[in-house]
Structure formats: C-alpha cells, structure tokens
Amino acid sequence: MIALVDGNGILRAQYKRGLPDVDFVARDLGLIFDEVRNSAGAGGLVYEAAHLFACYATY
C-alpha cells in the first residue's frame, strides 16, 4: 500500500494495489494544491467553513 500524506500529517489518499496509476496520483496532488490555494487569502475562512461542512454533511 502507498499513502499520500500532506504536510500536516493528514492521510489524503491510499493506493492499495501495487503502484498507483500516475494519472490518479496527479489528480490527487492537484486536488491538494487547489485546496491549499483556495484556503489562503481573503476567501480562506469561507472556503474552510464550506470544506468543513462538506466533510461532515455526509454523516
């Protein structure tokens, strides 16, 4: 198993079968970069609140 962990130690993705497809890893990295970019600046608080809601709204 290969894991993708961000700078805060949060597990972002797990690739369980052999080496992951490069396209999947690139997609996951792109999502993390987008999240970092969106959480900075004036809109950061709004983005973080929306992200928190989205994470817990499915439970």
C-alpha atoms as a PDB file:
ATOM      1  CA  MET A   1       0.000   0.000   0.000  1.00  0.00           C
ATOM      2  CA  ILE A   2       1.168   3.543  -0.787  1.00  0.00           C
ATOM      3  CA  ALA A   3      -0.195   6.538   1.113  1.00  0.00           C
ATOM      4  CA  LEU A   4      -0.342  10.224   0.187  1.00  0.00           C
ATOM      5  CA  VAL A   5       0.059  12.330   3.354  1.00  0.00           C
ATOM      6  CA  ASP A   6       0.002  16.140   3.425  1.00  0.00           C
ATOM      7  CA  GLY A   7       2.369  18.435   5.332  1.00  0.00           C
ATOM      8  CA  ASN A   8       0.120  18.326   8.401  1.00  0.00           C
ATOM      9  CA  GLY A   9       0.278  14.543   8.567  1.00  0.00           C
ATOM     10  CA  ILE A  10      -3.267  14.063   7.260  1.00  0.00           C
ATOM     11  CA  LEU A  11      -3.796  10.985   5.113  1.00  0.00           C
ATOM     12  CA  ARG A  12      -5.145  12.199   1.766  1.00  0.00           C
ATOM     13  CA  ALA A  13      -5.166   9.062  -0.363  1.00  0.00           C
ATOM     14  CA  GLN A  14      -4.384   5.366  -0.197  1.00  0.00           C
ATOM     15  CA  TYR A  15      -3.370   3.301  -3.176  1.00  0.00           C
ATOM     16  CA  LYS A  16      -3.862  -0.316  -2.150  1.00  0.00           C
ATOM     17  CA  ARG A  17      -2.945  -2.363  -5.222  1.00  0.00           C
ATOM     18  CA  GLY A  18       0.629  -2.213  -6.457  1.00  0.00           C
ATOM     19  CA  LEU A  19       1.937   1.001  -7.934  1.00  0.00           C
ATOM     20  CA  PRO A  20      -0.784   3.607  -8.485  1.00  0.00           C
ATOM     21  CA  ASP A  21      -1.603   4.969 -11.905  1.00  0.00           C
ATOM     22  CA  VAL A  22       0.300   8.219 -12.456  1.00  0.00           C
ATOM     23  CA  ASP A  23      -2.927   9.937 -13.571  1.00  0.00           C
ATOM     24  CA  PHE A  24      -4.624   9.150 -10.257  1.00  0.00           C
ATOM     25  CA  VAL A  25      -1.678  10.462  -8.235  1.00  0.00           C
ATOM     26  CA  ALA A  26      -1.522  13.628 -10.381  1.00  0.00           C
ATOM     27  CA  ARG A  27      -5.257  14.160  -9.863  1.00  0.00           C
ATOM     28  CA  ASP A  28      -4.950  13.738  -6.090  1.00  0.00           C
ATOM     29  CA  LEU A  29      -1.976  16.109  -5.912  1.00  0.00           C
ATOM     30  CA  GLY A  30      -3.891  18.642  -7.994  1.00  0.00           C
ATOM     31  CA  LEU A  31      -6.804  18.477  -5.553  1.00  0.00           C
ATOM     32  CA  ILE A  32      -4.472  19.089  -2.618  1.00  0.00           C
ATOM     33  CA  PHE A  33      -2.806  22.038  -4.381  1.00  0.00           C
ATOM     34  CA  ASP A  34      -6.229  23.502  -5.181  1.00  0.00           C
ATOM     35  CA  GLU A  35      -7.240  23.151  -1.543  1.00  0.00           C
ATOM     36  CA  VAL A  36      -4.105  24.967  -0.370  1.00  0.00           C
ATOM     37  CA  ARG A  37      -4.616  27.743  -2.916  1.00  0.00           C
ATOM     38  CA  ASN A  38      -8.316  28.162  -2.035  1.00  0.00           C
ATOM     39  CA  SER A  39      -7.726  28.200   1.715  1.00  0.00           C
ATOM     40  CA  ALA A  40      -5.372  31.203   1.581  1.00  0.00           C
ATOM     41  CA  GLY A  41      -6.202  34.878   1.278  1.00  0.00           C
ATOM     42  CA  ALA A  42      -9.448  36.744   1.910  1.00  0.00           C
ATOM     43  CA  GLY A  43     -11.707  33.855   0.930  1.00  0.00           C
ATOM     44  CA  GLY A  44      -9.829  31.372   3.103  1.00  0.00           C
ATOM     45  CA  LEU A  45     -12.267  31.420   6.017  1.00  0.00           C
ATOM     46  CA  VAL A  46     -15.255  30.929   3.734  1.00  0.00           C
ATOM     47  CA  TYR A  47     -13.505  28.092   1.915  1.00  0.00           C
ATOM     48  CA  GLU A  48     -12.501  26.405   5.178  1.00  0.00           C
ATOM     49  CA  ALA A  49     -16.048  26.667   6.559  1.00  0.00           C
ATOM     50  CA  ALA A  50     -17.510  25.212   3.362  1.00  0.00           C
ATOM     51  CA  HIS A  51     -14.920  22.433   3.374  1.00  0.00           C
ATOM     52  CA  LEU A  52     -15.671  21.573   6.999  1.00  0.00           C
ATOM     53  CA  PHE A  53     -19.400  21.475   6.245  1.00  0.00           C
ATOM     54  CA  ALA A  54     -18.840  19.280   3.183  1.00  0.00           C
ATOM     55  CA  CYS A  55     -16.690  16.847   5.162  1.00  0.00           C
ATOM     56  CA  TYR A  56     -19.256  16.323   7.915  1.00  0.00           C
ATOM     57  CA  ALA A  57     -22.506  16.810   5.987  1.00  0.00           C
ATOM     58  CA  THR A  58     -22.457  13.218   4.722  1.00  0.00           C
ATOM     59  CA  TYR A  59     -22.589  11.681   8.207  1.00  0.00           C
END
